[in-house]
Amino acid sequence: MKKEIRNVNEEKGILQITTVDERWYIRQSTDEATGLPTYDYVPSVTWIADHYPKGIAFYKWLASKGWDEAEALKQAAADKGSKVHLAIADLIDGKEVKINAKYINPTTEKEEELTLEEYEAISSFAEWFKKVKPKVVERDFVVWGEGYAGTVDLFCEIDGRAYVVDFKTSQYIWPSHELQVSAYLHALPPEKDTDESFPPHLAILQLGYRLNKNKYKFTEIEDNYQEFLAAKLIWAKEQKGVYPAQKDYPLKIKL
């Protein structure tokens, strides 16, 4: 994947721009002084959260694999997660996902059939959904916080309680995962605060989970927003002076 540009909210004119090392969200706004259009650029929640210390377990794994193999494994995991997310979106929208269904692989930029592992992860989501019966409020929507933005996988109600749920196809929950959902919580738009169930609970749903018979694991997460802000400070120091080239990414082109 060289560069992926996605229109993640056409109504609000929000783009998501992903390269190997960066992910930005961009939206068009109006300069209050001049009245001219301008663009707001903020890093993604996942990019920021990845700057949080990963812990000794991660570095032991990295040492055992070596840098090149570890990077290849992480990219393959990301591609798997992307295809699974796309299939789950279809399921939530009422569509049928067949075992030989094809979805875009971000790395190859081509449609590929689901692997057996990916199909098992999708199947485990269906099992969770049938058992828990969440009331879907919204899926895959962009939230814009203070200097960051991200995409919430699922906002739903379970037993009358609101939840922000993030899907993962990994076998472990890393600290960065907990920071992600915490950042989403603090960027939710006011219209999500509709009743006494607010603020919502935070949860991570692991799919294709191999350590129990359900093949999924639903874990409630505490609000770790202060830790996310700490990671945001580290990101700002590490990425000082880094911005996407605005001339490369016009939101619209017209003659």
Protein backbone atom coordinates (compact mmCIF):
# COMPACT_ATOMS: atom_id res chain seq x y z
CA MET A 1 0.00 0.00 0.00
CA LYS A 2 1.55 3.27 -1.13
CA LYS A 3 -1.25 5.66 -0.26
CA GLU A 4 -4.94 5.02 0.44
CA ILE A 5 -7.43 7.90 0.32
CA ARG A 6 -10.93 7.17 1.59
CA ASN A 7 -13.94 9.42 1.80
CA VAL A 8 -15.14 8.41 5.27
CA ASN A 9 -17.85 11.03 5.61
CA GLU A 10 -19.08 12.54 2.37
CA GLU A 11 -21.66 14.76 4.10
CA LYS A 12 -19.00 16.47 6.22
CA GLY A 13 -16.25 16.19 3.62
CA ILE A 14 -13.90 14.10 5.78
CA LEU A 15 -11.09 12.13 4.17
CA GLN A 16 -8.87 9.47 5.69
CA ILE A 17 -5.38 9.29 4.20
CA THR A 18 -3.24 6.28 5.04
CA THR A 19 0.36 5.51 4.09
CA VAL A 20 2.74 2.93 5.49
CA ASP A 21 3.78 5.12 8.41
CA GLU A 22 1.00 7.69 8.77
CA ARG A 23 -2.76 8.09 8.98
CA TRP A 24 -4.43 11.48 8.79
CA TYR A 25 -8.02 12.70 8.88
CA ILE A 26 -8.76 15.81 6.85
CA ARG A 27 -11.89 17.95 6.74
CA GLN A 28 -12.77 21.17 5.00
CA SER A 29 -13.72 24.17 7.11
CA THR A 30 -13.99 27.94 6.68
CA ASP A 31 -11.46 30.50 7.86
CA GLU A 32 -13.37 32.81 10.22
CA ALA A 33 -11.25 35.82 9.28
CA THR A 34 -11.26 35.50 5.49
CA GLY A 35 -14.29 33.34 4.84
CA LEU A 36 -12.17 31.20 2.54
CA PRO A 37 -12.11 27.41 2.63
CA THR A 38 -9.31 25.81 4.61
CA TYR A 39 -8.41 22.29 5.70
CA ASP A 40 -8.01 20.80 9.17
CA TYR A 41 -5.46 17.99 9.48
CA VAL A 42 -5.33 15.74 12.54
CA PRO A 43 -3.65 12.39 13.20
CA SER A 44 -5.70 9.24 13.69
CA VAL A 45 -6.40 7.75 17.08
CA THR A 46 -4.60 4.53 16.12
CA TRP A 47 -1.46 6.38 14.99
CA ILE A 48 -1.32 8.32 18.25
CA ALA A 49 -2.07 5.31 20.44
CA ASP A 50 0.72 3.36 18.75
CA HIS A 51 3.20 5.78 20.37
CA TYR A 52 2.23 4.58 23.85
CA PRO A 53 4.86 2.27 25.42
CA LYS A 54 4.07 -1.27 24.33
CA GLY A 55 5.48 -3.15 27.29
CA ILE A 56 8.08 -5.88 27.72
CA ALA A 57 5.91 -8.61 26.15
CA PHE A 58 5.84 -6.78 22.82
CA TYR A 59 9.59 -6.17 22.77
CA LYS A 60 10.29 -9.82 23.58
CA TRP A 61 8.08 -10.79 20.64
CA LEU A 62 9.86 -8.25 18.41
CA ALA A 63 13.26 -9.61 19.42
CA SER A 64 12.18 -13.18 18.72
CA LYS A 65 10.94 -12.33 15.21
CA GLY A 66 13.36 -9.67 14.03
CA TRP A 67 12.31 -6.32 12.58
CA ASP A 68 11.50 -7.37 8.99
CA GLU A 69 9.46 -10.43 9.94
CA ALA A 70 7.65 -8.52 12.68
CA GLU A 71 6.70 -5.73 10.26
CA ALA A 72 5.45 -8.29 7.72
CA LEU A 73 3.36 -10.02 10.38
CA LYS A 74 1.88 -6.72 11.57
CA GLN A 75 0.97 -5.73 8.01
CA ALA A 76 -0.63 -9.12 7.36
CA ALA A 77 -2.63 -8.76 10.59
CA ALA A 78 -3.75 -5.28 9.54
CA ASP A 79 -4.88 -6.58 6.14
CA LYS A 80 -6.80 -9.38 7.82
CA GLY A 81 -8.47 -6.93 10.19
CA SER A 82 -9.45 -4.66 7.32
CA LYS A 83 -11.14 -7.45 5.35
CA VAL A 84 -12.94 -8.72 8.44
CA HIS A 85 -14.19 -5.20 9.23
CA LEU A 86 -15.59 -4.81 5.71
CA ALA A 87 -17.40 -8.14 5.94
CA ILE A 88 -18.85 -7.29 9.36
CA ALA A 89 -20.16 -4.01 7.96
CA ASP A 90 -22.01 -6.03 5.33
CA LEU A 91 -23.47 -8.33 8.01
CA ILE A 92 -24.68 -5.39 10.10
CA ASP A 93 -26.28 -3.91 6.98
CA GLY A 94 -28.26 -7.11 6.51
CA LYS A 95 -26.19 -8.60 3.71
CA GLU A 96 -25.05 -12.21 3.41
CA VAL A 97 -21.34 -13.01 3.50
CA LYS A 98 -20.39 -16.19 1.68
CA ILE A 99 -17.30 -18.25 2.39
CA ASN A 100 -15.82 -17.28 -0.99
CA ALA A 101 -16.71 -13.58 -0.70
CA LYS A 102 -14.07 -11.10 -1.86
CA TYR A 103 -12.90 -7.95 -0.09
CA ILE A 104 -10.18 -5.40 -0.78
CA ASN A 105 -6.76 -6.14 0.68
CA PRO A 106 -5.22 -2.71 1.47
CA THR A 107 -1.67 -3.89 0.73
CA THR A 108 -2.32 -5.43 -2.67
CA GLU A 109 -5.21 -3.03 -3.43
CA LYS A 110 -7.03 -5.99 -4.99
CA GLU A 111 -10.12 -7.96 -4.09
CA GLU A 112 -9.22 -11.27 -2.46
CA GLU A 113 -11.29 -14.19 -1.25
CA LEU A 114 -11.62 -14.49 2.48
CA THR A 115 -9.14 -16.85 4.08
CA LEU A 116 -10.45 -19.55 6.39
CA GLU A 117 -9.06 -17.63 9.38
CA GLU A 118 -10.85 -14.45 8.28
CA TYR A 119 -14.10 -16.33 7.70
CA GLU A 120 -13.87 -17.86 11.19
CA ALA A 121 -13.46 -14.38 12.66
CA ILE A 122 -16.54 -13.17 10.78
CA SER A 123 -18.47 -16.25 11.92
CA SER A 124 -17.52 -15.54 15.54
CA PHE A 125 -18.94 -12.02 15.19
CA ALA A 126 -22.21 -13.50 13.94
CA GLU A 127 -22.30 -15.86 16.94
CA TRP A 128 -21.70 -12.96 19.36
CA PHE A 129 -24.36 -10.85 17.65
CA LYS A 130 -26.96 -13.62 17.78
CA LYS A 131 -26.26 -14.35 21.44
CA VAL A 132 -25.97 -10.78 22.77
CA LYS A 133 -28.51 -9.17 20.42
CA PRO A 134 -27.05 -5.65 20.49
CA LYS A 135 -29.24 -2.82 19.22
CA VAL A 136 -27.12 -1.15 16.54
CA VAL A 137 -27.22 2.64 16.74
CA GLU A 138 -24.45 3.36 14.23
CA ARG A 139 -21.44 1.65 12.71
CA ASP A 140 -18.18 2.89 11.20
CA PHE A 141 -18.61 6.59 11.92
CA VAL A 142 -15.93 9.25 12.31
CA VAL A 143 -15.43 11.12 15.57
CA TRP A 144 -13.38 14.33 15.73
CA GLY A 145 -11.73 15.10 19.05
CA GLU A 146 -9.28 17.70 20.32
CA GLY A 147 -6.46 17.33 17.80
CA TYR A 148 -7.30 13.81 16.67
CA ALA A 149 -9.93 11.81 14.83
CA GLY A 150 -10.88 8.18 14.47
CA THR A 151 -13.50 5.72 13.26
CA VAL A 152 -15.75 3.94 15.76
CA ASP A 153 -16.53 0.37 14.74
CA LEU A 154 -19.84 0.08 16.56
CA PHE A 155 -22.05 2.20 18.79
CA CYS A 156 -24.83 0.04 20.20
CA GLU A 157 -27.06 -0.74 23.16
CA ILE A 158 -26.73 -3.97 25.12
CA ASP A 159 -29.33 -4.64 27.80
CA GLY A 160 -30.30 -0.97 27.74
CA ARG A 161 -26.76 0.31 28.17
CA ALA A 162 -24.82 2.21 25.50
CA TYR A 163 -21.49 0.78 24.33
CA VAL A 164 -18.61 1.94 22.17
CA VAL A 165 -17.19 -1.29 20.74
CA ASP A 166 -13.94 -1.75 18.84
CA PHE A 167 -13.35 -4.94 16.84
CA LYS A 168 -9.99 -6.72 17.01
CA THR A 169 -8.77 -9.86 15.28
CA SER A 170 -5.71 -10.11 17.53
CA GLN A 171 -5.39 -12.67 20.32
CA TYR A 172 -4.27 -10.06 22.85
CA ILE A 173 -5.51 -6.68 24.01
CA TRP A 174 -2.61 -4.24 24.00
CA PRO A 175 -2.54 -0.94 25.94
CA SER A 176 -2.90 0.96 22.65
CA HIS A 177 -6.25 -0.79 22.08
CA GLU A 178 -7.55 0.50 25.40
CA LEU A 179 -6.40 4.02 24.54
CA GLN A 180 -8.25 3.87 21.23
CA VAL A 181 -11.72 3.29 22.67
CA SER A 182 -11.03 5.85 25.41
CA ALA A 183 -10.22 8.48 22.79
CA TYR A 184 -13.41 7.61 20.89
CA LEU A 185 -15.47 8.12 24.04
CA HIS A 186 -14.17 11.66 24.54
CA ALA A 187 -14.79 12.58 20.91
CA LEU A 188 -18.39 11.39 20.64
CA PRO A 189 -20.69 14.08 19.21
CA PRO A 190 -23.33 15.58 21.55
CA GLU A 191 -26.21 13.86 19.77
CA LYS A 192 -24.96 10.50 21.09
CA ASP A 193 -25.79 11.73 24.63
CA THR A 194 -29.46 10.88 24.36
CA ASP A 195 -30.47 9.28 27.66
CA GLU A 196 -29.43 8.11 31.09
CA SER A 197 -27.23 5.37 29.59
CA PHE A 198 -24.61 8.01 28.72
CA PRO A 199 -21.65 7.96 29.04
CA PRO A 200 -21.40 4.61 27.31
CA HIS A 201 -19.35 1.65 28.40
CA LEU A 202 -16.20 0.85 26.44
CA ALA A 203 -15.49 -2.61 25.09
CA ILE A 204 -13.21 -4.55 22.78
CA LEU A 205 -14.63 -7.52 20.88
CA GLN A 206 -11.91 -9.98 19.87
CA LEU A 207 -12.94 -12.08 16.89
CA GLY A 208 -11.50 -15.42 15.87
CA TYR A 209 -10.33 -15.78 19.47
CA ARG A 210 -8.60 -19.12 19.99
CA LEU A 211 -8.59 -19.39 23.78
CA ASN A 212 -12.24 -20.24 24.37
CA LYS A 213 -14.96 -22.28 22.68
CA ASN A 214 -16.98 -19.21 21.67
CA LYS A 215 -14.20 -18.00 19.34
CA TYR A 216 -14.84 -14.45 20.54
CA LYS A 217 -14.13 -12.46 23.68
CA PHE A 218 -15.97 -9.34 24.83
CA THR A 219 -13.94 -7.27 27.29
CA GLU A 220 -15.10 -4.09 28.99
CA ILE A 221 -12.40 -1.40 29.16
CA GLU A 222 -11.89 1.38 31.67
CA ASP A 223 -11.56 4.96 30.47
CA ASN A 224 -7.84 5.54 29.83
CA TYR A 225 -8.14 8.99 28.29
CA GLN A 226 -5.34 10.52 30.38
CA GLU A 227 -2.96 7.86 29.08
CA PHE A 228 -4.13 8.63 25.55
CA LEU A 229 -3.29 12.30 26.10
CA ALA A 230 0.18 11.21 27.27
CA ALA A 231 0.61 9.22 24.04
CA LYS A 232 -0.57 12.28 22.13
CA LEU A 233 2.25 14.33 23.69
CA ILE A 234 4.76 11.66 22.66
CA TRP A 235 3.29 11.62 19.14
CA ALA A 236 3.59 15.42 18.90
CA LYS A 237 7.27 15.27 19.88
CA GLU A 238 8.11 12.32 17.62
CA GLN A 239 6.23 13.71 14.62
CA LYS A 240 7.07 17.39 15.05
CA GLY A 241 6.84 19.19 11.73
CA VAL A 242 5.19 16.28 9.94
CA TYR A 243 2.10 17.24 7.92
CA PRO A 244 0.51 15.81 4.79
CA ALA A 245 1.16 17.89 1.71
CA GLN A 246 -2.09 19.80 1.29
CA LYS A 247 -1.59 20.23 -2.44
CA ASP A 248 -1.69 16.45 -2.84
CA TYR A 249 -5.14 16.02 -1.34
CA PRO A 250 -7.84 18.35 -2.69
CA LEU A 251 -11.22 17.21 -1.43
CA LYS A 252 -12.84 18.06 -4.77
CA ILE A 253 -11.68 18.91 -8.29
CA LYS A 254 -13.84 20.81 -10.77
CA LEU A 255 -13.18 22.64 -14.02
